[in-house]
Structures are given as structure tokens and as C-alpha cells.
Amino acid sequence: MKLVKLLANLGYGSRKQVALMFREGRVTDAAGEVLYADDVVAHETIRVDDEPLDPAPGLLLLLHKPVGYTCSTKDPGRVVYDLLPPRFRLRNPVLSTVGRLDRDTSGLLLMTDDGALLHRIISPRSKLPKVYEATLAQDLRGDEGAVFGAGTLMLESETTPLAPAGFDALGPRHARLVLHEGRYHQVRRMFAAVGNHVEALHRTHIGGLGLEGLAPGQWRIATDQDMATLWA
């Protein structure tokens, strides 16, 4: 792929804008030698304004989503793409969220431009565990573990019972849930079904990936080890 197309696909600008970057000498190799639009060089050696080139297509990104951001490109308020370099929103293939966290939910959010990987992660057949911690409006009543783990709980307006979910009480109004599916507002609706209300919700893990080292609003690119851990 020509460098001018590569940079445009990574969101650095239109073909015309990227061509101007080459003419201005802003695209170089690691040694500072100016590169040209038709050059063929290794991705990791390319620099734009002396900064390493963004990751190639096929990336998986971990983001610690704060409360108040939506998983959308069109919401008029704050969106998760505001937490990333602006050009990430313009990548082709598009960088998409792997599932969603609602505006009032914080925690681990995965993003990828690999459609096959996205569908593999969210597929019900993958049964990847997703771990949530919930702060509740009322004290736990004591039977939530049995109800959530039975595999018979039916949410309002649905016709298929939930898969069994793991449950641990962490305090009178604090609980951890482990889900193997991802229905709309599932955790909130599960607690509503047992007469409680979720005041705060936080996702800590997806598969073997967690938020270690990521403060709210921070992100990082997944490594090969992360990819192996995801499915471990």
C-alpha cells in the first residue's frame, strides 16, 4: 500500500492533505530521512512530525471509560472517541466499540477496527466472561446468587431466560456479577427483577483483560500477550 493511502486510512487527513504532509517533509523514517508517497517501508519505522505512526489496522484498544461518555460517534454530548487522538475517529476501517457501556457505566471498553475480531468477542458462542461491580440503592436480600445463577430468570419483555450468572456479595449494597452474555442494560435489569436499583456500575474485566494501570479516561493498545489473555 502506498504511504499516502496508508496515512489517509489511519485518519491523518484526506489524500490531498496527506500528500501535502509529504511535500512539507513531515513524514520521515526513524533516522529522520524524508519519505515520499510511493516509498515502501516497514510500518514501525514511519514517523509523522517525529512521532511513531499510529498502529496498523487490526488493532485492539483497551479504554477505561469514565461515567458521562457514550459509545457513539453522533451523540451531541461527550463520546468515548473524545478520549482518543482525533484522527482515530477517521480511521478506515472504522474503529468501533466492542459492545457498549451506557453513559452512566464506567470501566473496561474494548475498541477495534477488526470486524472479525469484534464479532468473535461479542458472539454468544464465545461465552467470554464480563465482570461487573454494582453499587445498589438497597441492601441485598440474600437470594440474588441463587436467582441469578439458576438460568431461569426472565427479564421484562423478553422470551428467553438469562444464562446463569456468577454472583458475589461484596458488601450490604455492593456486588460482583459475572455474565457470559450481553443483553441490553442486563445488570441493571437483573437487579430491577429482584426489586433493587443500580446506583453505580463498573465493568472490571472482559475475558482475561482488566484495567490494570489504566486510570479513568486512559487507553492503551493491546499486545499479543493481551490477545492471548483475552481468551485464556
C-alpha atoms as a PDB file:
ATOM      1  CA  MET A   1       0.000   0.000   0.000  1.00  0.00           C
ATOM      2  CA  LYS A   2       1.309   3.443  -0.891  1.00  0.00           C
ATOM      3  CA  LEU A   3       2.225   5.550   2.108  1.00  0.00           C
ATOM      4  CA  VAL A   4      -0.186   8.308   1.118  1.00  0.00           C
ATOM      5  CA  LYS A   5      -3.104   5.835   1.228  1.00  0.00           C
ATOM      6  CA  LEU A   6      -1.871   4.276   4.463  1.00  0.00           C
ATOM      7  CA  LEU A   7      -1.762   7.615   6.276  1.00  0.00           C
ATOM      8  CA  ALA A   8      -5.159   8.626   4.920  1.00  0.00           C
ATOM      9  CA  ASN A   9      -6.661   5.331   6.100  1.00  0.00           C
ATOM     10  CA  LEU A  10      -5.174   5.930   9.553  1.00  0.00           C
ATOM     11  CA  GLY A  11      -7.040   9.243   9.764  1.00  0.00           C
ATOM     12  CA  TYR A  12      -4.154  11.670   9.307  1.00  0.00           C
ATOM     13  CA  GLY A  13      -6.180  13.520   6.669  1.00  0.00           C
ATOM     14  CA  SER A  14      -7.622  13.242   3.187  1.00  0.00           C
ATOM     15  CA  ARG A  15      -5.407  12.018   0.360  1.00  0.00           C
ATOM     16  CA  LYS A  16      -4.838  15.663  -0.584  1.00  0.00           C
ATOM     17  CA  GLN A  17      -3.964  16.660   2.982  1.00  0.00           C
ATOM     18  CA  VAL A  18      -1.604  13.709   3.408  1.00  0.00           C
ATOM     19  CA  ALA A  19       0.087  14.460   0.075  1.00  0.00           C
ATOM     20  CA  LEU A  20       0.793  17.965   1.385  1.00  0.00           C
ATOM     21  CA  MET A  21       2.354  16.438   4.520  1.00  0.00           C
ATOM     22  CA  PHE A  22       4.806  14.568   2.308  1.00  0.00           C
ATOM     23  CA  ARG A  23       5.645  17.720   0.343  1.00  0.00           C
ATOM     24  CA  GLU A  24       6.305  19.553   3.605  1.00  0.00           C
ATOM     25  CA  GLY A  25       8.714  16.817   4.730  1.00  0.00           C
ATOM     26  CA  ARG A  26       6.658  15.889   7.778  1.00  0.00           C
ATOM     27  CA  VAL A  27       6.784  12.149   7.059  1.00  0.00           C
ATOM     28  CA  THR A  28      10.158  10.552   7.791  1.00  0.00           C
ATOM     29  CA  ASP A  29      11.742   7.296   8.818  1.00  0.00           C
ATOM     30  CA  ALA A  30      13.154   6.619  12.275  1.00  0.00           C
ATOM     31  CA  ALA A  31      16.502   8.130  11.244  1.00  0.00           C
ATOM     32  CA  GLY A  32      14.877  11.375  10.129  1.00  0.00           C
ATOM     33  CA  GLU A  33      15.145  10.767   6.388  1.00  0.00           C
ATOM     34  CA  VAL A  34      12.232  12.258   4.462  1.00  0.00           C
ATOM     35  CA  LEU A  35       9.862   9.679   2.992  1.00  0.00           C
ATOM     36  CA  TYR A  36       7.852  10.003  -0.200  1.00  0.00           C
ATOM     37  CA  ALA A  37       4.332   8.901  -1.036  1.00  0.00           C
ATOM     38  CA  ASP A  38       5.453   5.894  -3.125  1.00  0.00           C
ATOM     39  CA  ASP A  39       8.081   4.606  -0.689  1.00  0.00           C
ATOM     40  CA  VAL A  40       7.712   1.100   0.722  1.00  0.00           C
ATOM     41  CA  VAL A  41       8.975   0.916   4.303  1.00  0.00           C
ATOM     42  CA  ALA A  42       8.109  -1.003   7.460  1.00  0.00           C
ATOM     43  CA  HIS A  43       5.181   0.444   9.399  1.00  0.00           C
ATOM     44  CA  GLU A  44       7.134   0.670  12.652  1.00  0.00           C
ATOM     45  CA  THR A  45       9.844   2.829  11.058  1.00  0.00           C
ATOM     46  CA  ILE A  46       7.481   5.584   9.863  1.00  0.00           C
ATOM     47  CA  ARG A  47       7.309   8.881  11.753  1.00  0.00           C
ATOM     48  CA  VAL A  48       4.851  11.765  11.347  1.00  0.00           C
ATOM     49  CA  ASP A  49       6.113  15.029  12.863  1.00  0.00           C
ATOM     50  CA  ASP A  50       8.784  12.895  14.609  1.00  0.00           C
ATOM     51  CA  GLU A  51       6.105  10.740  16.290  1.00  0.00           C
ATOM     52  CA  PRO A  52       5.653   6.993  15.606  1.00  0.00           C
ATOM     53  CA  LEU A  53       2.880   6.140  13.183  1.00  0.00           C
ATOM     54  CA  ASP A  54      -0.401   5.008  14.717  1.00  0.00           C
ATOM     55  CA  PRO A  55      -0.953   1.228  14.833  1.00  0.00           C
ATOM     56  CA  ALA A  56      -1.850  -0.553  11.612  1.00  0.00           C
ATOM     57  CA  PRO A  57      -5.370  -1.888  11.003  1.00  0.00           C
ATOM     58  CA  GLY A  58      -6.124  -4.929  13.125  1.00  0.00           C
ATOM     59  CA  LEU A  59      -5.651  -3.180  16.461  1.00  0.00           C
ATOM     60  CA  LEU A  60      -7.484  -3.855  19.714  1.00  0.00           C
ATOM     61  CA  LEU A  61      -7.630  -0.958  22.155  1.00  0.00           C
ATOM     62  CA  LEU A  62      -8.416  -1.007  25.891  1.00  0.00           C
ATOM     63  CA  LEU A  63     -10.099   2.112  27.275  1.00  0.00           C
ATOM     64  CA  HIS A  64     -11.050   2.933  30.861  1.00  0.00           C
ATOM     65  CA  LYS A  65     -14.361   4.611  30.135  1.00  0.00           C
ATOM     66  CA  PRO A  66     -15.452   7.219  32.690  1.00  0.00           C
ATOM     67  CA  VAL A  67     -19.070   7.932  33.570  1.00  0.00           C
ATOM     68  CA  GLY A  68     -20.607  10.591  31.335  1.00  0.00           C
ATOM     69  CA  TYR A  69     -19.348   9.341  27.964  1.00  0.00           C
ATOM     70  CA  THR A  70     -21.401   7.456  25.368  1.00  0.00           C
ATOM     71  CA  CYS A  71     -20.263   4.773  22.926  1.00  0.00           C
ATOM     72  CA  SER A  72     -21.303   6.720  19.852  1.00  0.00           C
ATOM     73  CA  THR A  73     -19.968   8.918  17.086  1.00  0.00           C
ATOM     74  CA  LYS A  74     -23.127  11.015  16.772  1.00  0.00           C
ATOM     75  CA  ASP A  75     -24.157  11.833  20.344  1.00  0.00           C
ATOM     76  CA  PRO A  76     -24.164  15.630  20.883  1.00  0.00           C
ATOM     77  CA  GLY A  77     -22.575  15.175  24.294  1.00  0.00           C
ATOM     78  CA  ARG A  78     -19.275  13.601  25.277  1.00  0.00           C
ATOM     79  CA  VAL A  79     -18.352  10.403  23.427  1.00  0.00           C
ATOM     80  CA  VAL A  80     -15.595   7.867  24.025  1.00  0.00           C
ATOM     81  CA  TYR A  81     -13.813   8.994  20.838  1.00  0.00           C
ATOM     82  CA  ASP A  82     -13.139  12.322  22.591  1.00  0.00           C
ATOM     83  CA  LEU A  83     -10.701  10.410  24.816  1.00  0.00           C
ATOM     84  CA  LEU A  84      -8.598   9.278  21.829  1.00  0.00           C
ATOM     85  CA  PRO A  85      -6.475  11.168  19.299  1.00  0.00           C
ATOM     86  CA  PRO A  86      -8.948  12.908  16.933  1.00  0.00           C
ATOM     87  CA  ARG A  87      -7.684  11.003  13.902  1.00  0.00           C
ATOM     88  CA  PHE A  88      -8.742   7.683  15.482  1.00  0.00           C
ATOM     89  CA  ARG A  89     -12.336   8.624  14.688  1.00  0.00           C
ATOM     90  CA  LEU A  90     -11.409   8.892  10.997  1.00  0.00           C
ATOM     91  CA  ARG A  91      -9.660   5.548  10.576  1.00  0.00           C
ATOM     92  CA  ASN A  92     -10.618   3.222   7.735  1.00  0.00           C
ATOM     93  CA  PRO A  93     -11.581   0.509   8.608  1.00  0.00           C
ATOM     94  CA  VAL A  94     -13.584   2.279  11.290  1.00  0.00           C
ATOM     95  CA  LEU A  95     -12.611   1.936  14.951  1.00  0.00           C
ATOM     96  CA  SER A  96     -15.713   0.567  16.695  1.00  0.00           C
ATOM     97  CA  THR A  97     -16.623  -0.191  20.285  1.00  0.00           C
ATOM     98  CA  VAL A  98     -16.894  -3.900  21.070  1.00  0.00           C
ATOM     99  CA  GLY A  99     -20.371  -3.820  22.565  1.00  0.00           C
ATOM    100  CA  ARG A 100     -21.347  -0.798  24.622  1.00  0.00           C
ATOM    101  CA  LEU A 101     -21.340   0.688  28.081  1.00  0.00           C
ATOM    102  CA  ASP A 102     -24.122   3.172  28.732  1.00  0.00           C
ATOM    103  CA  ARG A 103     -23.411   6.773  29.723  1.00  0.00           C
ATOM    104  CA  ASP A 104     -23.741   6.019  33.447  1.00  0.00           C
ATOM    105  CA  THR A 105     -21.496   2.927  33.416  1.00  0.00           C
ATOM    106  CA  SER A 106     -17.718   3.089  33.776  1.00  0.00           C
ATOM    107  CA  GLY A 107     -14.962   0.573  33.233  1.00  0.00           C
ATOM    108  CA  LEU A 108     -13.292  -1.547  30.593  1.00  0.00           C
ATOM    109  CA  LEU A 109     -14.315  -0.874  26.997  1.00  0.00           C
ATOM    110  CA  LEU A 110     -12.672  -2.619  24.052  1.00  0.00           C
ATOM    111  CA  MET A 111     -12.417  -0.970  20.638  1.00  0.00           C
ATOM    112  CA  THR A 112     -11.212  -2.487  17.375  1.00  0.00           C
ATOM    113  CA  ASP A 113     -11.072  -1.919  13.624  1.00  0.00           C
ATOM    114  CA  ASP A 114     -11.072  -5.685  13.007  1.00  0.00           C
ATOM    115  CA  GLY A 115     -14.637  -6.710  12.202  1.00  0.00           C
ATOM    116  CA  ALA A 116     -13.943 -10.433  12.534  1.00  0.00           C
ATOM    117  CA  LEU A 117     -12.390  -9.927  15.979  1.00  0.00           C
ATOM    118  CA  LEU A 118     -15.302  -7.724  17.067  1.00  0.00           C
ATOM    119  CA  HIS A 119     -17.865 -10.370  16.153  1.00  0.00           C
ATOM    120  CA  ARG A 120     -15.805 -13.125  17.730  1.00  0.00           C
ATOM    121  CA  ILE A 121     -15.706 -11.268  21.056  1.00  0.00           C
ATOM    122  CA  ILE A 122     -19.418 -10.356  21.164  1.00  0.00           C
ATOM    123  CA  SER A 123     -20.706 -13.657  19.777  1.00  0.00           C
ATOM    124  CA  PRO A 124     -22.824 -15.539  22.335  1.00  0.00           C
ATOM    125  CA  ARG A 125     -20.878 -18.641  21.368  1.00  0.00           C
ATOM    126  CA  SER A 126     -17.668 -17.116  22.718  1.00  0.00           C
ATOM    127  CA  LYS A 127     -19.120 -17.040  26.254  1.00  0.00           C
ATOM    128  CA  LEU A 128     -16.418 -14.574  27.269  1.00  0.00           C
ATOM    129  CA  PRO A 129     -16.965 -13.660  30.939  1.00  0.00           C
ATOM    130  CA  LYS A 130     -17.679  -9.996  31.632  1.00  0.00           C
ATOM    131  CA  VAL A 131     -17.223  -8.897  35.244  1.00  0.00           C
ATOM    132  CA  TYR A 132     -19.202  -6.005  36.740  1.00  0.00           C
ATOM    133  CA  GLU A 133     -19.314  -4.405  40.154  1.00  0.00           C
ATOM    134  CA  ALA A 134     -22.591  -2.775  41.148  1.00  0.00           C
ATOM    135  CA  THR A 135     -23.439  -0.337  43.922  1.00  0.00           C
ATOM    136  CA  LEU A 136     -27.094  -0.676  44.896  1.00  0.00           C
ATOM    137  CA  ALA A 137     -29.789   1.569  46.316  1.00  0.00           C
ATOM    138  CA  GLN A 138     -30.979  -1.041  48.811  1.00  0.00           C
ATOM    139  CA  ASP A 139     -29.403  -3.820  50.845  1.00  0.00           C
ATOM    140  CA  LEU A 140     -29.058  -7.184  49.164  1.00  0.00           C
ATOM    141  CA  ARG A 141     -31.840  -9.506  50.235  1.00  0.00           C
ATOM    142  CA  GLY A 142     -29.686 -12.670  50.236  1.00  0.00           C
ATOM    143  CA  ASP A 143     -31.085 -14.818  47.443  1.00  0.00           C
ATOM    144  CA  GLU A 144     -29.612 -12.942  44.476  1.00  0.00           C
ATOM    145  CA  GLY A 145     -26.922 -15.552  43.886  1.00  0.00           C
ATOM    146  CA  ALA A 146     -29.488 -18.321  43.619  1.00  0.00           C
ATOM    147  CA  VAL A 147     -31.807 -16.291  41.397  1.00  0.00           C
ATOM    148  CA  PHE A 148     -29.061 -15.104  39.031  1.00  0.00           C
ATOM    149  CA  GLY A 149     -27.361 -18.485  38.883  1.00  0.00           C
ATOM    150  CA  ALA A 150     -30.455 -20.565  38.191  1.00  0.00           C
ATOM    151  CA  GLY A 151     -30.643 -19.931  34.454  1.00  0.00           C
ATOM    152  CA  THR A 152     -34.381 -19.314  34.709  1.00  0.00           C
ATOM    153  CA  LEU A 153     -34.580 -15.552  35.304  1.00  0.00           C
ATOM    154  CA  MET A 154     -36.697 -13.877  32.628  1.00  0.00           C
ATOM    155  CA  LEU A 155     -36.248 -10.156  32.053  1.00  0.00           C
ATOM    156  CA  GLU A 156     -39.236  -7.976  31.297  1.00  0.00           C
ATOM    157  CA  SER A 157     -40.314  -8.020  27.612  1.00  0.00           C
ATOM    158  CA  GLU A 158     -38.022 -10.973  26.797  1.00  0.00           C
ATOM    159  CA  THR A 159     -38.907 -14.562  25.972  1.00  0.00           C
ATOM    160  CA  THR A 160     -35.597 -16.330  26.654  1.00  0.00           C
ATOM    161  CA  PRO A 161     -34.287 -16.786  30.204  1.00  0.00           C
ATOM    162  CA  LEU A 162     -30.866 -15.455  31.114  1.00  0.00           C
ATOM    163  CA  ALA A 163     -27.866 -17.728  31.144  1.00  0.00           C
ATOM    164  CA  PRO A 164     -26.619 -18.499  34.668  1.00  0.00           C
ATOM    165  CA  ALA A 165     -24.536 -15.635  36.062  1.00  0.00           C
ATOM    166  CA  GLY A 166     -21.921 -15.647  38.790  1.00  0.00           C
ATOM    167  CA  PHE A 167     -22.610 -13.550  41.888  1.00  0.00           C
ATOM    168  CA  ASP A 168     -20.604 -12.427  44.909  1.00  0.00           C
ATOM    169  CA  ALA A 169     -21.791 -10.088  47.645  1.00  0.00           C
ATOM    170  CA  LEU A 170     -19.006  -7.606  48.394  1.00  0.00           C
ATOM    171  CA  GLY A 171     -20.966  -5.659  50.983  1.00  0.00           C
ATOM    172  CA  PRO A 172     -24.551  -4.914  52.022  1.00  0.00           C
ATOM    173  CA  ARG A 173     -25.073  -2.822  48.884  1.00  0.00           C
ATOM    174  CA  HIS A 174     -22.135  -3.881  46.740  1.00  0.00           C
ATOM    175  CA  ALA A 175     -21.981  -6.931  44.481  1.00  0.00           C
ATOM    176  CA  ARG A 176     -19.917  -8.505  41.713  1.00  0.00           C
ATOM    177  CA  LEU A 177     -21.579 -10.222  38.743  1.00  0.00           C
ATOM    178  CA  VAL A 178     -20.003 -12.416  36.080  1.00  0.00           C
ATOM    179  CA  LEU A 179     -22.022 -12.557  32.849  1.00  0.00           C
ATOM    180  CA  HIS A 180     -21.475 -14.731  29.786  1.00  0.00           C
ATOM    181  CA  GLU A 181     -23.873 -12.838  27.532  1.00  0.00           C
ATOM    182  CA  GLY A 182     -24.550  -9.184  26.835  1.00  0.00           C
ATOM    183  CA  ARG A 183     -28.180  -8.128  26.755  1.00  0.00           C
ATOM    184  CA  TYR A 184     -29.372  -4.540  26.821  1.00  0.00           C
ATOM    185  CA  HIS A 185     -28.763  -2.963  30.263  1.00  0.00           C
ATOM    186  CA  GLN A 186     -28.554  -6.509  31.585  1.00  0.00           C
ATOM    187  CA  VAL A 187     -27.090  -5.900  35.048  1.00  0.00           C
ATOM    188  CA  ARG A 188     -29.477  -3.050  35.798  1.00  0.00           C
ATOM    189  CA  ARG A 189     -32.465  -5.094  34.644  1.00  0.00           C
ATOM    190  CA  MET A 190     -31.361  -8.133  36.644  1.00  0.00           C
ATOM    191  CA  PHE A 191     -31.313  -6.165  39.869  1.00  0.00           C
ATOM    192  CA  ALA A 192     -34.603  -4.499  38.943  1.00  0.00           C
ATOM    193  CA  ALA A 193     -36.073  -8.001  38.645  1.00  0.00           C
ATOM    194  CA  VAL A 194     -35.218  -8.652  42.307  1.00  0.00           C
ATOM    195  CA  GLY A 195     -36.556  -5.300  43.486  1.00  0.00           C
ATOM    196  CA  ASN A 196     -33.334  -3.312  43.642  1.00  0.00           C
ATOM    197  CA  HIS A 197     -31.805  -0.403  41.733  1.00  0.00           C
ATOM    198  CA  VAL A 198     -28.232   0.001  40.486  1.00  0.00           C
ATOM    199  CA  GLU A 199     -26.824   3.372  41.501  1.00  0.00           C
ATOM    200  CA  ALA A 200     -23.351   2.835  40.027  1.00  0.00           C
ATOM    201  CA  LEU A 201     -21.997   0.199  37.659  1.00  0.00           C
ATOM    202  CA  HIS A 202     -18.404  -0.563  36.702  1.00  0.00           C
ATOM    203  CA  ARG A 203     -17.020  -3.242  34.349  1.00  0.00           C
ATOM    204  CA  THR A 204     -13.684  -4.572  35.545  1.00  0.00           C
ATOM    205  CA  HIS A 205     -12.872  -7.401  33.110  1.00  0.00           C
ATOM    206  CA  ILE A 206     -13.656  -8.896  29.717  1.00  0.00           C
ATOM    207  CA  GLY A 207     -12.223 -12.366  29.446  1.00  0.00           C
ATOM    208  CA  GLY A 208      -8.744 -12.186  30.925  1.00  0.00           C
ATOM    209  CA  LEU A 209      -8.335  -8.457  30.261  1.00  0.00           C
ATOM    210  CA  GLY A 210      -8.659  -5.911  33.035  1.00  0.00           C
ATOM    211  CA  LEU A 211      -7.961  -2.260  33.782  1.00  0.00           C
ATOM    212  CA  GLU A 212      -4.605  -2.655  35.467  1.00  0.00           C
ATOM    213  CA  GLY A 213      -2.575   0.541  35.067  1.00  0.00           C
ATOM    214  CA  LEU A 214      -5.348   2.482  33.320  1.00  0.00           C
ATOM    215  CA  ALA A 215      -6.830   5.483  35.127  1.00  0.00           C
ATOM    216  CA  PRO A 216     -10.277   6.733  34.031  1.00  0.00           C
ATOM    217  CA  GLY A 217     -10.000   8.203  30.543  1.00  0.00           C
ATOM    218  CA  GLN A 218      -6.726   6.434  29.739  1.00  0.00           C
ATOM    219  CA  TRP A 219      -6.250   3.871  26.973  1.00  0.00           C
ATOM    220  CA  ARG A 220      -3.622   1.575  25.504  1.00  0.00           C
ATOM    221  CA  ILE A 221      -3.160  -0.717  22.529  1.00  0.00           C
ATOM    222  CA  ALA A 222      -3.490  -4.429  23.293  1.00  0.00           C
ATOM    223  CA  THR A 223      -0.337  -6.524  22.965  1.00  0.00           C
ATOM    224  CA  ASP A 224      -0.049 -10.056  21.626  1.00  0.00           C
ATOM    225  CA  GLN A 225       0.023 -11.198  25.245  1.00  0.00           C
ATOM    226  CA  ASP A 226      -3.231  -9.338  25.888  1.00  0.00           C
ATOM    227  CA  MET A 227      -4.830 -11.116  22.947  1.00  0.00           C
ATOM    228  CA  ALA A 228      -3.787 -14.480  24.371  1.00  0.00           C
ATOM    229  CA  THR A 229      -5.022 -13.446  27.824  1.00  0.00           C
ATOM    230  CA  LEU A 230      -8.404 -12.414  26.442  1.00  0.00           C
ATOM    231  CA  TRP A 231      -9.195 -15.993  25.508  1.00  0.00           C
ATOM    232  CA  ALA A 232      -7.375 -17.692  28.371  1.00  0.00           C
END
